Amino acid sequence: RQAMKDFTHFDDQGNARMVDVSAKQ
């Protein structure tokens, strides 16, 4: 679970997600 934090397409529970890029310029 700690290692998954390096993979942005997984949340803290290991579920797949689309990365939120709304804060990026």
PDBML (XML) file of the C-alpha atoms, coordinates in Angstrom:
<?xml version="1.0" encoding="UTF-8" ?>
<PDBx:datablock datablockName="MODEL"
   xmlns:PDBx="http://pdbml.pdb.org/schema/pdbx-v50.xsd"
   xmlns:xsi="http://www.w3.org/2001/XMLSchema-instance"
   xsi:schemaLocation="http://pdbml.pdb.org/schema/pdbx-v50.xsd pdbx-v50.xsd">
   <PDBx:atom_siteCategory>
      <PDBx:atom_site id="1">
         <PDBx:B_iso_or_equiv>0.00</PDBx:B_iso_or_equiv>
         <PDBx:Cartn_x>0.000</PDBx:Cartn_x>
         <PDBx:Cartn_y>0.000</PDBx:Cartn_y>
         <PDBx:Cartn_z>0.000</PDBx:Cartn_z>
         <PDBx:auth_asym_id>A</PDBx:auth_asym_id>
         <PDBx:auth_atom_id>CA</PDBx:auth_atom_id>
         <PDBx:auth_comp_id>ARG</PDBx:auth_comp_id>
         <PDBx:auth_seq_id>1</PDBx:auth_seq_id>
         <PDBx:group_PDB>ATOM</PDBx:group_PDB>
         <PDBx:label_alt_id xsi:nil="true" />
         <PDBx:label_asym_id>A</PDBx:label_asym_id>
         <PDBx:label_atom_id>CA</PDBx:label_atom_id>
         <PDBx:label_comp_id>ARG</PDBx:label_comp_id>
         <PDBx:label_entity_id>1</PDBx:label_entity_id>
         <PDBx:label_seq_id>1</PDBx:label_seq_id>
         <PDBx:occupancy>1.00</PDBx:occupancy>
         <PDBx:pdbx_PDB_model_num>1</PDBx:pdbx_PDB_model_num>
         <PDBx:type_symbol>C</PDBx:type_symbol>
      </PDBx:atom_site>
      <PDBx:atom_site id="2">
         <PDBx:B_iso_or_equiv>0.00</PDBx:B_iso_or_equiv>
         <PDBx:Cartn_x>2.881</PDBx:Cartn_x>
         <PDBx:Cartn_y>2.340</PDBx:Cartn_y>
         <PDBx:Cartn_z>0.733</PDBx:Cartn_z>
         <PDBx:auth_asym_id>A</PDBx:auth_asym_id>
         <PDBx:auth_atom_id>CA</PDBx:auth_atom_id>
         <PDBx:auth_comp_id>GLN</PDBx:auth_comp_id>
         <PDBx:auth_seq_id>2</PDBx:auth_seq_id>
         <PDBx:group_PDB>ATOM</PDBx:group_PDB>
         <PDBx:label_alt_id xsi:nil="true" />
         <PDBx:label_asym_id>A</PDBx:label_asym_id>
         <PDBx:label_atom_id>CA</PDBx:label_atom_id>
         <PDBx:label_comp_id>GLN</PDBx:label_comp_id>
         <PDBx:label_entity_id>1</PDBx:label_entity_id>
         <PDBx:label_seq_id>2</PDBx:label_seq_id>
         <PDBx:occupancy>1.00</PDBx:occupancy>
         <PDBx:pdbx_PDB_model_num>1</PDBx:pdbx_PDB_model_num>
         <PDBx:type_symbol>C</PDBx:type_symbol>
      </PDBx:atom_site>
      <PDBx:atom_site id="3">
         <PDBx:B_iso_or_equiv>0.00</PDBx:B_iso_or_equiv>
         <PDBx:Cartn_x>4.513</PDBx:Cartn_x>
         <PDBx:Cartn_y>1.451</PDBx:Cartn_y>
         <PDBx:Cartn_z>-2.589</PDBx:Cartn_z>
         <PDBx:auth_asym_id>A</PDBx:auth_asym_id>
         <PDBx:auth_atom_id>CA</PDBx:auth_atom_id>
         <PDBx:auth_comp_id>ALA</PDBx:auth_comp_id>
         <PDBx:auth_seq_id>3</PDBx:auth_seq_id>
         <PDBx:group_PDB>ATOM</PDBx:group_PDB>
         <PDBx:label_alt_id xsi:nil="true" />
         <PDBx:label_asym_id>A</PDBx:label_asym_id>
         <PDBx:label_atom_id>CA</PDBx:label_atom_id>
         <PDBx:label_comp_id>ALA</PDBx:label_comp_id>
         <PDBx:label_entity_id>1</PDBx:label_entity_id>
         <PDBx:label_seq_id>3</PDBx:label_seq_id>
         <PDBx:occupancy>1.00</PDBx:occupancy>
         <PDBx:pdbx_PDB_model_num>1</PDBx:pdbx_PDB_model_num>
         <PDBx:type_symbol>C</PDBx:type_symbol>
      </PDBx:atom_site>
      <PDBx:atom_site id="4">
         <PDBx:B_iso_or_equiv>0.00</PDBx:B_iso_or_equiv>
         <PDBx:Cartn_x>1.276</PDBx:Cartn_x>
         <PDBx:Cartn_y>2.182</PDBx:Cartn_y>
         <PDBx:Cartn_z>-4.478</PDBx:Cartn_z>
         <PDBx:auth_asym_id>A</PDBx:auth_asym_id>
         <PDBx:auth_atom_id>CA</PDBx:auth_atom_id>
         <PDBx:auth_comp_id>MET</PDBx:auth_comp_id>
         <PDBx:auth_seq_id>4</PDBx:auth_seq_id>
         <PDBx:group_PDB>ATOM</PDBx:group_PDB>
         <PDBx:label_alt_id xsi:nil="true" />
         <PDBx:label_asym_id>A</PDBx:label_asym_id>
         <PDBx:label_atom_id>CA</PDBx:label_atom_id>
         <PDBx:label_comp_id>MET</PDBx:label_comp_id>
         <PDBx:label_entity_id>1</PDBx:label_entity_id>
         <PDBx:label_seq_id>4</PDBx:label_seq_id>
         <PDBx:occupancy>1.00</PDBx:occupancy>
         <PDBx:pdbx_PDB_model_num>1</PDBx:pdbx_PDB_model_num>
         <PDBx:type_symbol>C</PDBx:type_symbol>
      </PDBx:atom_site>
      <PDBx:atom_site id="5">
         <PDBx:B_iso_or_equiv>0.00</PDBx:B_iso_or_equiv>
         <PDBx:Cartn_x>1.529</PDBx:Cartn_x>
         <PDBx:Cartn_y>5.813</PDBx:Cartn_y>
         <PDBx:Cartn_z>-3.474</PDBx:Cartn_z>
         <PDBx:auth_asym_id>A</PDBx:auth_asym_id>
         <PDBx:auth_atom_id>CA</PDBx:auth_atom_id>
         <PDBx:auth_comp_id>LYS</PDBx:auth_comp_id>
         <PDBx:auth_seq_id>5</PDBx:auth_seq_id>
         <PDBx:group_PDB>ATOM</PDBx:group_PDB>
         <PDBx:label_alt_id xsi:nil="true" />
         <PDBx:label_asym_id>A</PDBx:label_asym_id>
         <PDBx:label_atom_id>CA</PDBx:label_atom_id>
         <PDBx:label_comp_id>LYS</PDBx:label_comp_id>
         <PDBx:label_entity_id>1</PDBx:label_entity_id>
         <PDBx:label_seq_id>5</PDBx:label_seq_id>
         <PDBx:occupancy>1.00</PDBx:occupancy>
         <PDBx:pdbx_PDB_model_num>1</PDBx:pdbx_PDB_model_num>
         <PDBx:type_symbol>C</PDBx:type_symbol>
      </PDBx:atom_site>
      <PDBx:atom_site id="6">
         <PDBx:B_iso_or_equiv>0.00</PDBx:B_iso_or_equiv>
         <PDBx:Cartn_x>4.189</PDBx:Cartn_x>
         <PDBx:Cartn_y>6.136</PDBx:Cartn_y>
         <PDBx:Cartn_z>-6.180</PDBx:Cartn_z>
         <PDBx:auth_asym_id>A</PDBx:auth_asym_id>
         <PDBx:auth_atom_id>CA</PDBx:auth_atom_id>
         <PDBx:auth_comp_id>ASP</PDBx:auth_comp_id>
         <PDBx:auth_seq_id>6</PDBx:auth_seq_id>
         <PDBx:group_PDB>ATOM</PDBx:group_PDB>
         <PDBx:label_alt_id xsi:nil="true" />
         <PDBx:label_asym_id>A</PDBx:label_asym_id>
         <PDBx:label_atom_id>CA</PDBx:label_atom_id>
         <PDBx:label_comp_id>ASP</PDBx:label_comp_id>
         <PDBx:label_entity_id>1</PDBx:label_entity_id>
         <PDBx:label_seq_id>6</PDBx:label_seq_id>
         <PDBx:occupancy>1.00</PDBx:occupancy>
         <PDBx:pdbx_PDB_model_num>1</PDBx:pdbx_PDB_model_num>
         <PDBx:type_symbol>C</PDBx:type_symbol>
      </PDBx:atom_site>
      <PDBx:atom_site id="7">
         <PDBx:B_iso_or_equiv>0.00</PDBx:B_iso_or_equiv>
         <PDBx:Cartn_x>1.644</PDBx:Cartn_x>
         <PDBx:Cartn_y>5.059</PDBx:Cartn_y>
         <PDBx:Cartn_z>-8.809</PDBx:Cartn_z>
         <PDBx:auth_asym_id>A</PDBx:auth_asym_id>
         <PDBx:auth_atom_id>CA</PDBx:auth_atom_id>
         <PDBx:auth_comp_id>PHE</PDBx:auth_comp_id>
         <PDBx:auth_seq_id>7</PDBx:auth_seq_id>
         <PDBx:group_PDB>ATOM</PDBx:group_PDB>
         <PDBx:label_alt_id xsi:nil="true" />
         <PDBx:label_asym_id>A</PDBx:label_asym_id>
         <PDBx:label_atom_id>CA</PDBx:label_atom_id>
         <PDBx:label_comp_id>PHE</PDBx:label_comp_id>
         <PDBx:label_entity_id>1</PDBx:label_entity_id>
         <PDBx:label_seq_id>7</PDBx:label_seq_id>
         <PDBx:occupancy>1.00</PDBx:occupancy>
         <PDBx:pdbx_PDB_model_num>1</PDBx:pdbx_PDB_model_num>
         <PDBx:type_symbol>C</PDBx:type_symbol>
      </PDBx:atom_site>
      <PDBx:atom_site id="8">
         <PDBx:B_iso_or_equiv>0.00</PDBx:B_iso_or_equiv>
         <PDBx:Cartn_x>-0.763</PDBx:Cartn_x>
         <PDBx:Cartn_y>7.915</PDBx:Cartn_y>
         <PDBx:Cartn_z>-9.379</PDBx:Cartn_z>
         <PDBx:auth_asym_id>A</PDBx:auth_asym_id>
         <PDBx:auth_atom_id>CA</PDBx:auth_atom_id>
         <PDBx:auth_comp_id>THR</PDBx:auth_comp_id>
         <PDBx:auth_seq_id>8</PDBx:auth_seq_id>
         <PDBx:group_PDB>ATOM</PDBx:group_PDB>
         <PDBx:label_alt_id xsi:nil="true" />
         <PDBx:label_asym_id>A</PDBx:label_asym_id>
         <PDBx:label_atom_id>CA</PDBx:label_atom_id>
         <PDBx:label_comp_id>THR</PDBx:label_comp_id>
         <PDBx:label_entity_id>1</PDBx:label_entity_id>
         <PDBx:label_seq_id>8</PDBx:label_seq_id>
         <PDBx:occupancy>1.00</PDBx:occupancy>
         <PDBx:pdbx_PDB_model_num>1</PDBx:pdbx_PDB_model_num>
         <PDBx:type_symbol>C</PDBx:type_symbol>
      </PDBx:atom_site>
      <PDBx:atom_site id="9">
         <PDBx:B_iso_or_equiv>0.00</PDBx:B_iso_or_equiv>
         <PDBx:Cartn_x>-3.406</PDBx:Cartn_x>
         <PDBx:Cartn_y>5.738</PDBx:Cartn_y>
         <PDBx:Cartn_z>-11.045</PDBx:Cartn_z>
         <PDBx:auth_asym_id>A</PDBx:auth_asym_id>
         <PDBx:auth_atom_id>CA</PDBx:auth_atom_id>
         <PDBx:auth_comp_id>HIS</PDBx:auth_comp_id>
         <PDBx:auth_seq_id>9</PDBx:auth_seq_id>
         <PDBx:group_PDB>ATOM</PDBx:group_PDB>
         <PDBx:label_alt_id xsi:nil="true" />
         <PDBx:label_asym_id>A</PDBx:label_asym_id>
         <PDBx:label_atom_id>CA</PDBx:label_atom_id>
         <PDBx:label_comp_id>HIS</PDBx:label_comp_id>
         <PDBx:label_entity_id>1</PDBx:label_entity_id>
         <PDBx:label_seq_id>9</PDBx:label_seq_id>
         <PDBx:occupancy>1.00</PDBx:occupancy>
         <PDBx:pdbx_PDB_model_num>1</PDBx:pdbx_PDB_model_num>
         <PDBx:type_symbol>C</PDBx:type_symbol>
      </PDBx:atom_site>
      <PDBx:atom_site id="10">
         <PDBx:B_iso_or_equiv>0.00</PDBx:B_iso_or_equiv>
         <PDBx:Cartn_x>-4.116</PDBx:Cartn_x>
         <PDBx:Cartn_y>3.963</PDBx:Cartn_y>
         <PDBx:Cartn_z>-7.710</PDBx:Cartn_z>
         <PDBx:auth_asym_id>A</PDBx:auth_asym_id>
         <PDBx:auth_atom_id>CA</PDBx:auth_atom_id>
         <PDBx:auth_comp_id>PHE</PDBx:auth_comp_id>
         <PDBx:auth_seq_id>10</PDBx:auth_seq_id>
         <PDBx:group_PDB>ATOM</PDBx:group_PDB>
         <PDBx:label_alt_id xsi:nil="true" />
         <PDBx:label_asym_id>A</PDBx:label_asym_id>
         <PDBx:label_atom_id>CA</PDBx:label_atom_id>
         <PDBx:label_comp_id>PHE</PDBx:label_comp_id>
         <PDBx:label_entity_id>1</PDBx:label_entity_id>
         <PDBx:label_seq_id>10</PDBx:label_seq_id>
         <PDBx:occupancy>1.00</PDBx:occupancy>
         <PDBx:pdbx_PDB_model_num>1</PDBx:pdbx_PDB_model_num>
         <PDBx:type_symbol>C</PDBx:type_symbol>
      </PDBx:atom_site>
      <PDBx:atom_site id="11">
         <PDBx:B_iso_or_equiv>0.00</PDBx:B_iso_or_equiv>
         <PDBx:Cartn_x>-5.721</PDBx:Cartn_x>
         <PDBx:Cartn_y>5.434</PDBx:Cartn_y>
         <PDBx:Cartn_z>-4.618</PDBx:Cartn_z>
         <PDBx:auth_asym_id>A</PDBx:auth_asym_id>
         <PDBx:auth_atom_id>CA</PDBx:auth_atom_id>
         <PDBx:auth_comp_id>ASP</PDBx:auth_comp_id>
         <PDBx:auth_seq_id>11</PDBx:auth_seq_id>
         <PDBx:group_PDB>ATOM</PDBx:group_PDB>
         <PDBx:label_alt_id xsi:nil="true" />
         <PDBx:label_asym_id>A</PDBx:label_asym_id>
         <PDBx:label_atom_id>CA</PDBx:label_atom_id>
         <PDBx:label_comp_id>ASP</PDBx:label_comp_id>
         <PDBx:label_entity_id>1</PDBx:label_entity_id>
         <PDBx:label_seq_id>11</PDBx:label_seq_id>
         <PDBx:occupancy>1.00</PDBx:occupancy>
         <PDBx:pdbx_PDB_model_num>1</PDBx:pdbx_PDB_model_num>
         <PDBx:type_symbol>C</PDBx:type_symbol>
      </PDBx:atom_site>
      <PDBx:atom_site id="12">
         <PDBx:B_iso_or_equiv>0.00</PDBx:B_iso_or_equiv>
         <PDBx:Cartn_x>-4.694</PDBx:Cartn_x>
         <PDBx:Cartn_y>4.604</PDBx:Cartn_y>
         <PDBx:Cartn_z>-1.026</PDBx:Cartn_z>
         <PDBx:auth_asym_id>A</PDBx:auth_asym_id>
         <PDBx:auth_atom_id>CA</PDBx:auth_atom_id>
         <PDBx:auth_comp_id>ASP</PDBx:auth_comp_id>
         <PDBx:auth_seq_id>12</PDBx:auth_seq_id>
         <PDBx:group_PDB>ATOM</PDBx:group_PDB>
         <PDBx:label_alt_id xsi:nil="true" />
         <PDBx:label_asym_id>A</PDBx:label_asym_id>
         <PDBx:label_atom_id>CA</PDBx:label_atom_id>
         <PDBx:label_comp_id>ASP</PDBx:label_comp_id>
         <PDBx:label_entity_id>1</PDBx:label_entity_id>
         <PDBx:label_seq_id>12</PDBx:label_seq_id>
         <PDBx:occupancy>1.00</PDBx:occupancy>
         <PDBx:pdbx_PDB_model_num>1</PDBx:pdbx_PDB_model_num>
         <PDBx:type_symbol>C</PDBx:type_symbol>
      </PDBx:atom_site>
      <PDBx:atom_site id="13">
         <PDBx:B_iso_or_equiv>0.00</PDBx:B_iso_or_equiv>
         <PDBx:Cartn_x>-6.837</PDBx:Cartn_x>
         <PDBx:Cartn_y>1.459</PDBx:Cartn_y>
         <PDBx:Cartn_z>-1.098</PDBx:Cartn_z>
         <PDBx:auth_asym_id>A</PDBx:auth_asym_id>
         <PDBx:auth_atom_id>CA</PDBx:auth_atom_id>
         <PDBx:auth_comp_id>GLN</PDBx:auth_comp_id>
         <PDBx:auth_seq_id>13</PDBx:auth_seq_id>
         <PDBx:group_PDB>ATOM</PDBx:group_PDB>
         <PDBx:label_alt_id xsi:nil="true" />
         <PDBx:label_asym_id>A</PDBx:label_asym_id>
         <PDBx:label_atom_id>CA</PDBx:label_atom_id>
         <PDBx:label_comp_id>GLN</PDBx:label_comp_id>
         <PDBx:label_entity_id>1</PDBx:label_entity_id>
         <PDBx:label_seq_id>13</PDBx:label_seq_id>
         <PDBx:occupancy>1.00</PDBx:occupancy>
         <PDBx:pdbx_PDB_model_num>1</PDBx:pdbx_PDB_model_num>
         <PDBx:type_symbol>C</PDBx:type_symbol>
      </PDBx:atom_site>
      <PDBx:atom_site id="14">
         <PDBx:B_iso_or_equiv>0.00</PDBx:B_iso_or_equiv>
         <PDBx:Cartn_x>-5.280</PDBx:Cartn_x>
         <PDBx:Cartn_y>0.201</PDBx:Cartn_y>
         <PDBx:Cartn_z>-4.337</PDBx:Cartn_z>
         <PDBx:auth_asym_id>A</PDBx:auth_asym_id>
         <PDBx:auth_atom_id>CA</PDBx:auth_atom_id>
         <PDBx:auth_comp_id>GLY</PDBx:auth_comp_id>
         <PDBx:auth_seq_id>14</PDBx:auth_seq_id>
         <PDBx:group_PDB>ATOM</PDBx:group_PDB>
         <PDBx:label_alt_id xsi:nil="true" />
         <PDBx:label_asym_id>A</PDBx:label_asym_id>
         <PDBx:label_atom_id>CA</PDBx:label_atom_id>
         <PDBx:label_comp_id>GLY</PDBx:label_comp_id>
         <PDBx:label_entity_id>1</PDBx:label_entity_id>
         <PDBx:label_seq_id>14</PDBx:label_seq_id>
         <PDBx:occupancy>1.00</PDBx:occupancy>
         <PDBx:pdbx_PDB_model_num>1</PDBx:pdbx_PDB_model_num>
         <PDBx:type_symbol>C</PDBx:type_symbol>
      </PDBx:atom_site>
      <PDBx:atom_site id="15">
         <PDBx:B_iso_or_equiv>0.00</PDBx:B_iso_or_equiv>
         <PDBx:Cartn_x>-8.319</PDBx:Cartn_x>
         <PDBx:Cartn_y>1.014</PDBx:Cartn_y>
         <PDBx:Cartn_z>-6.477</PDBx:Cartn_z>
         <PDBx:auth_asym_id>A</PDBx:auth_asym_id>
         <PDBx:auth_atom_id>CA</PDBx:auth_atom_id>
         <PDBx:auth_comp_id>ASN</PDBx:auth_comp_id>
         <PDBx:auth_seq_id>15</PDBx:auth_seq_id>
         <PDBx:group_PDB>ATOM</PDBx:group_PDB>
         <PDBx:label_alt_id xsi:nil="true" />
         <PDBx:label_asym_id>A</PDBx:label_asym_id>
         <PDBx:label_atom_id>CA</PDBx:label_atom_id>
         <PDBx:label_comp_id>ASN</PDBx:label_comp_id>
         <PDBx:label_entity_id>1</PDBx:label_entity_id>
         <PDBx:label_seq_id>15</PDBx:label_seq_id>
         <PDBx:occupancy>1.00</PDBx:occupancy>
         <PDBx:pdbx_PDB_model_num>1</PDBx:pdbx_PDB_model_num>
         <PDBx:type_symbol>C</PDBx:type_symbol>
      </PDBx:atom_site>
      <PDBx:atom_site id="16">
         <PDBx:B_iso_or_equiv>0.00</PDBx:B_iso_or_equiv>
         <PDBx:Cartn_x>-7.807</PDBx:Cartn_x>
         <PDBx:Cartn_y>2.279</PDBx:Cartn_y>
         <PDBx:Cartn_z>-10.018</PDBx:Cartn_z>
         <PDBx:auth_asym_id>A</PDBx:auth_asym_id>
         <PDBx:auth_atom_id>CA</PDBx:auth_atom_id>
         <PDBx:auth_comp_id>ALA</PDBx:auth_comp_id>
         <PDBx:auth_seq_id>16</PDBx:auth_seq_id>
         <PDBx:group_PDB>ATOM</PDBx:group_PDB>
         <PDBx:label_alt_id xsi:nil="true" />
         <PDBx:label_asym_id>A</PDBx:label_asym_id>
         <PDBx:label_atom_id>CA</PDBx:label_atom_id>
         <PDBx:label_comp_id>ALA</PDBx:label_comp_id>
         <PDBx:label_entity_id>1</PDBx:label_entity_id>
         <PDBx:label_seq_id>16</PDBx:label_seq_id>
         <PDBx:occupancy>1.00</PDBx:occupancy>
         <PDBx:pdbx_PDB_model_num>1</PDBx:pdbx_PDB_model_num>
         <PDBx:type_symbol>C</PDBx:type_symbol>
      </PDBx:atom_site>
      <PDBx:atom_site id="17">
         <PDBx:B_iso_or_equiv>0.00</PDBx:B_iso_or_equiv>
         <PDBx:Cartn_x>-8.607</PDBx:Cartn_x>
         <PDBx:Cartn_y>5.923</PDBx:Cartn_y>
         <PDBx:Cartn_z>-10.649</PDBx:Cartn_z>
         <PDBx:auth_asym_id>A</PDBx:auth_asym_id>
         <PDBx:auth_atom_id>CA</PDBx:auth_atom_id>
         <PDBx:auth_comp_id>ARG</PDBx:auth_comp_id>
         <PDBx:auth_seq_id>17</PDBx:auth_seq_id>
         <PDBx:group_PDB>ATOM</PDBx:group_PDB>
         <PDBx:label_alt_id xsi:nil="true" />
         <PDBx:label_asym_id>A</PDBx:label_asym_id>
         <PDBx:label_atom_id>CA</PDBx:label_atom_id>
         <PDBx:label_comp_id>ARG</PDBx:label_comp_id>
         <PDBx:label_entity_id>1</PDBx:label_entity_id>
         <PDBx:label_seq_id>17</PDBx:label_seq_id>
         <PDBx:occupancy>1.00</PDBx:occupancy>
         <PDBx:pdbx_PDB_model_num>1</PDBx:pdbx_PDB_model_num>
         <PDBx:type_symbol>C</PDBx:type_symbol>
      </PDBx:atom_site>
      <PDBx:atom_site id="18">
         <PDBx:B_iso_or_equiv>0.00</PDBx:B_iso_or_equiv>
         <PDBx:Cartn_x>-8.190</PDBx:Cartn_x>
         <PDBx:Cartn_y>8.690</PDBx:Cartn_y>
         <PDBx:Cartn_z>-13.199</PDBx:Cartn_z>
         <PDBx:auth_asym_id>A</PDBx:auth_asym_id>
         <PDBx:auth_atom_id>CA</PDBx:auth_atom_id>
         <PDBx:auth_comp_id>MET</PDBx:auth_comp_id>
         <PDBx:auth_seq_id>18</PDBx:auth_seq_id>
         <PDBx:group_PDB>ATOM</PDBx:group_PDB>
         <PDBx:label_alt_id xsi:nil="true" />
         <PDBx:label_asym_id>A</PDBx:label_asym_id>
         <PDBx:label_atom_id>CA</PDBx:label_atom_id>
         <PDBx:label_comp_id>MET</PDBx:label_comp_id>
         <PDBx:label_entity_id>1</PDBx:label_entity_id>
         <PDBx:label_seq_id>18</PDBx:label_seq_id>
         <PDBx:occupancy>1.00</PDBx:occupancy>
         <PDBx:pdbx_PDB_model_num>1</PDBx:pdbx_PDB_model_num>
         <PDBx:type_symbol>C</PDBx:type_symbol>
      </PDBx:atom_site>
      <PDBx:atom_site id="19">
         <PDBx:B_iso_or_equiv>0.00</PDBx:B_iso_or_equiv>
         <PDBx:Cartn_x>-5.732</PDBx:Cartn_x>
         <PDBx:Cartn_y>11.219</PDBx:Cartn_y>
         <PDBx:Cartn_z>-11.811</PDBx:Cartn_z>
         <PDBx:auth_asym_id>A</PDBx:auth_asym_id>
         <PDBx:auth_atom_id>CA</PDBx:auth_atom_id>
         <PDBx:auth_comp_id>VAL</PDBx:auth_comp_id>
         <PDBx:auth_seq_id>19</PDBx:auth_seq_id>
         <PDBx:group_PDB>ATOM</PDBx:group_PDB>
         <PDBx:label_alt_id xsi:nil="true" />
         <PDBx:label_asym_id>A</PDBx:label_asym_id>
         <PDBx:label_atom_id>CA</PDBx:label_atom_id>
         <PDBx:label_comp_id>VAL</PDBx:label_comp_id>
         <PDBx:label_entity_id>1</PDBx:label_entity_id>
         <PDBx:label_seq_id>19</PDBx:label_seq_id>
         <PDBx:occupancy>1.00</PDBx:occupancy>
         <PDBx:pdbx_PDB_model_num>1</PDBx:pdbx_PDB_model_num>
         <PDBx:type_symbol>C</PDBx:type_symbol>
      </PDBx:atom_site>
      <PDBx:atom_site id="20">
         <PDBx:B_iso_or_equiv>0.00</PDBx:B_iso_or_equiv>
         <PDBx:Cartn_x>-7.188</PDBx:Cartn_x>
         <PDBx:Cartn_y>14.600</PDBx:Cartn_y>
         <PDBx:Cartn_z>-10.877</PDBx:Cartn_z>
         <PDBx:auth_asym_id>A</PDBx:auth_asym_id>
         <PDBx:auth_atom_id>CA</PDBx:auth_atom_id>
         <PDBx:auth_comp_id>ASP</PDBx:auth_comp_id>
         <PDBx:auth_seq_id>20</PDBx:auth_seq_id>
         <PDBx:group_PDB>ATOM</PDBx:group_PDB>
         <PDBx:label_alt_id xsi:nil="true" />
         <PDBx:label_asym_id>A</PDBx:label_asym_id>
         <PDBx:label_atom_id>CA</PDBx:label_atom_id>
         <PDBx:label_comp_id>ASP</PDBx:label_comp_id>
         <PDBx:label_entity_id>1</PDBx:label_entity_id>
         <PDBx:label_seq_id>20</PDBx:label_seq_id>
         <PDBx:occupancy>1.00</PDBx:occupancy>
         <PDBx:pdbx_PDB_model_num>1</PDBx:pdbx_PDB_model_num>
         <PDBx:type_symbol>C</PDBx:type_symbol>
      </PDBx:atom_site>
      <PDBx:atom_site id="21">
         <PDBx:B_iso_or_equiv>0.00</PDBx:B_iso_or_equiv>
         <PDBx:Cartn_x>-5.241</PDBx:Cartn_x>
         <PDBx:Cartn_y>17.187</PDBx:Cartn_y>
         <PDBx:Cartn_z>-12.905</PDBx:Cartn_z>
         <PDBx:auth_asym_id>A</PDBx:auth_asym_id>
         <PDBx:auth_atom_id>CA</PDBx:auth_atom_id>
         <PDBx:auth_comp_id>VAL</PDBx:auth_comp_id>
         <PDBx:auth_seq_id>21</PDBx:auth_seq_id>
         <PDBx:group_PDB>ATOM</PDBx:group_PDB>
         <PDBx:label_alt_id xsi:nil="true" />
         <PDBx:label_asym_id>A</PDBx:label_asym_id>
         <PDBx:label_atom_id>CA</PDBx:label_atom_id>
         <PDBx:label_comp_id>VAL</PDBx:label_comp_id>
         <PDBx:label_entity_id>1</PDBx:label_entity_id>
         <PDBx:label_seq_id>21</PDBx:label_seq_id>
         <PDBx:occupancy>1.00</PDBx:occupancy>
         <PDBx:pdbx_PDB_model_num>1</PDBx:pdbx_PDB_model_num>
         <PDBx:type_symbol>C</PDBx:type_symbol>
      </PDBx:atom_site>
      <PDBx:atom_site id="22">
         <PDBx:B_iso_or_equiv>0.00</PDBx:B_iso_or_equiv>
         <PDBx:Cartn_x>-7.520</PDBx:Cartn_x>
         <PDBx:Cartn_y>20.150</PDBx:Cartn_y>
         <PDBx:Cartn_z>-12.192</PDBx:Cartn_z>
         <PDBx:auth_asym_id>A</PDBx:auth_asym_id>
         <PDBx:auth_atom_id>CA</PDBx:auth_atom_id>
         <PDBx:auth_comp_id>SER</PDBx:auth_comp_id>
         <PDBx:auth_seq_id>22</PDBx:auth_seq_id>
         <PDBx:group_PDB>ATOM</PDBx:group_PDB>
         <PDBx:label_alt_id xsi:nil="true" />
         <PDBx:label_asym_id>A</PDBx:label_asym_id>
         <PDBx:label_atom_id>CA</PDBx:label_atom_id>
         <PDBx:label_comp_id>SER</PDBx:label_comp_id>
         <PDBx:label_entity_id>1</PDBx:label_entity_id>
         <PDBx:label_seq_id>22</PDBx:label_seq_id>
         <PDBx:occupancy>1.00</PDBx:occupancy>
         <PDBx:pdbx_PDB_model_num>1</PDBx:pdbx_PDB_model_num>
         <PDBx:type_symbol>C</PDBx:type_symbol>
      </PDBx:atom_site>
      <PDBx:atom_site id="23">
         <PDBx:B_iso_or_equiv>0.00</PDBx:B_iso_or_equiv>
         <PDBx:Cartn_x>-4.873</PDBx:Cartn_x>
         <PDBx:Cartn_y>21.921</PDBx:Cartn_y>
         <PDBx:Cartn_z>-10.114</PDBx:Cartn_z>
         <PDBx:auth_asym_id>A</PDBx:auth_asym_id>
         <PDBx:auth_atom_id>CA</PDBx:auth_atom_id>
         <PDBx:auth_comp_id>ALA</PDBx:auth_comp_id>
         <PDBx:auth_seq_id>23</PDBx:auth_seq_id>
         <PDBx:group_PDB>ATOM</PDBx:group_PDB>
         <PDBx:label_alt_id xsi:nil="true" />
         <PDBx:label_asym_id>A</PDBx:label_asym_id>
         <PDBx:label_atom_id>CA</PDBx:label_atom_id>
         <PDBx:label_comp_id>ALA</PDBx:label_comp_id>
         <PDBx:label_entity_id>1</PDBx:label_entity_id>
         <PDBx:label_seq_id>23</PDBx:label_seq_id>
         <PDBx:occupancy>1.00</PDBx:occupancy>
         <PDBx:pdbx_PDB_model_num>1</PDBx:pdbx_PDB_model_num>
         <PDBx:type_symbol>C</PDBx:type_symbol>
      </PDBx:atom_site>
      <PDBx:atom_site id="24">
         <PDBx:B_iso_or_equiv>0.00</PDBx:B_iso_or_equiv>
         <PDBx:Cartn_x>-2.196</PDBx:Cartn_x>
         <PDBx:Cartn_y>21.698</PDBx:Cartn_y>
         <PDBx:Cartn_z>-12.808</PDBx:Cartn_z>
         <PDBx:auth_asym_id>A</PDBx:auth_asym_id>
         <PDBx:auth_atom_id>CA</PDBx:auth_atom_id>
         <PDBx:auth_comp_id>LYS</PDBx:auth_comp_id>
         <PDBx:auth_seq_id>24</PDBx:auth_seq_id>
         <PDBx:group_PDB>ATOM</PDBx:group_PDB>
         <PDBx:label_alt_id xsi:nil="true" />
         <PDBx:label_asym_id>A</PDBx:label_asym_id>
         <PDBx:label_atom_id>CA</PDBx:label_atom_id>
         <PDBx:label_comp_id>LYS</PDBx:label_comp_id>
         <PDBx:label_entity_id>1</PDBx:label_entity_id>
         <PDBx:label_seq_id>24</PDBx:label_seq_id>
         <PDBx:occupancy>1.00</PDBx:occupancy>
         <PDBx:pdbx_PDB_model_num>1</PDBx:pdbx_PDB_model_num>
         <PDBx:type_symbol>C</PDBx:type_symbol>
      </PDBx:atom_site>
      <PDBx:atom_site id="25">
         <PDBx:B_iso_or_equiv>0.00</PDBx:B_iso_or_equiv>
         <PDBx:Cartn_x>-1.337</PDBx:Cartn_x>
         <PDBx:Cartn_y>24.609</PDBx:Cartn_y>
         <PDBx:Cartn_z>-15.073</PDBx:Cartn_z>
         <PDBx:auth_asym_id>A</PDBx:auth_asym_id>
         <PDBx:auth_atom_id>CA</PDBx:auth_atom_id>
         <PDBx:auth_comp_id>GLN</PDBx:auth_comp_id>
         <PDBx:auth_seq_id>25</PDBx:auth_seq_id>
         <PDBx:group_PDB>ATOM</PDBx:group_PDB>
         <PDBx:label_alt_id xsi:nil="true" />
         <PDBx:label_asym_id>A</PDBx:label_asym_id>
         <PDBx:label_atom_id>CA</PDBx:label_atom_id>
         <PDBx:label_comp_id>GLN</PDBx:label_comp_id>
         <PDBx:label_entity_id>1</PDBx:label_entity_id>
         <PDBx:label_seq_id>25</PDBx:label_seq_id>
         <PDBx:occupancy>1.00</PDBx:occupancy>
         <PDBx:pdbx_PDB_model_num>1</PDBx:pdbx_PDB_model_num>
         <PDBx:type_symbol>C</PDBx:type_symbol>
      </PDBx:atom_site>
   </PDBx:atom_siteCategory>
</PDBx:datablock>
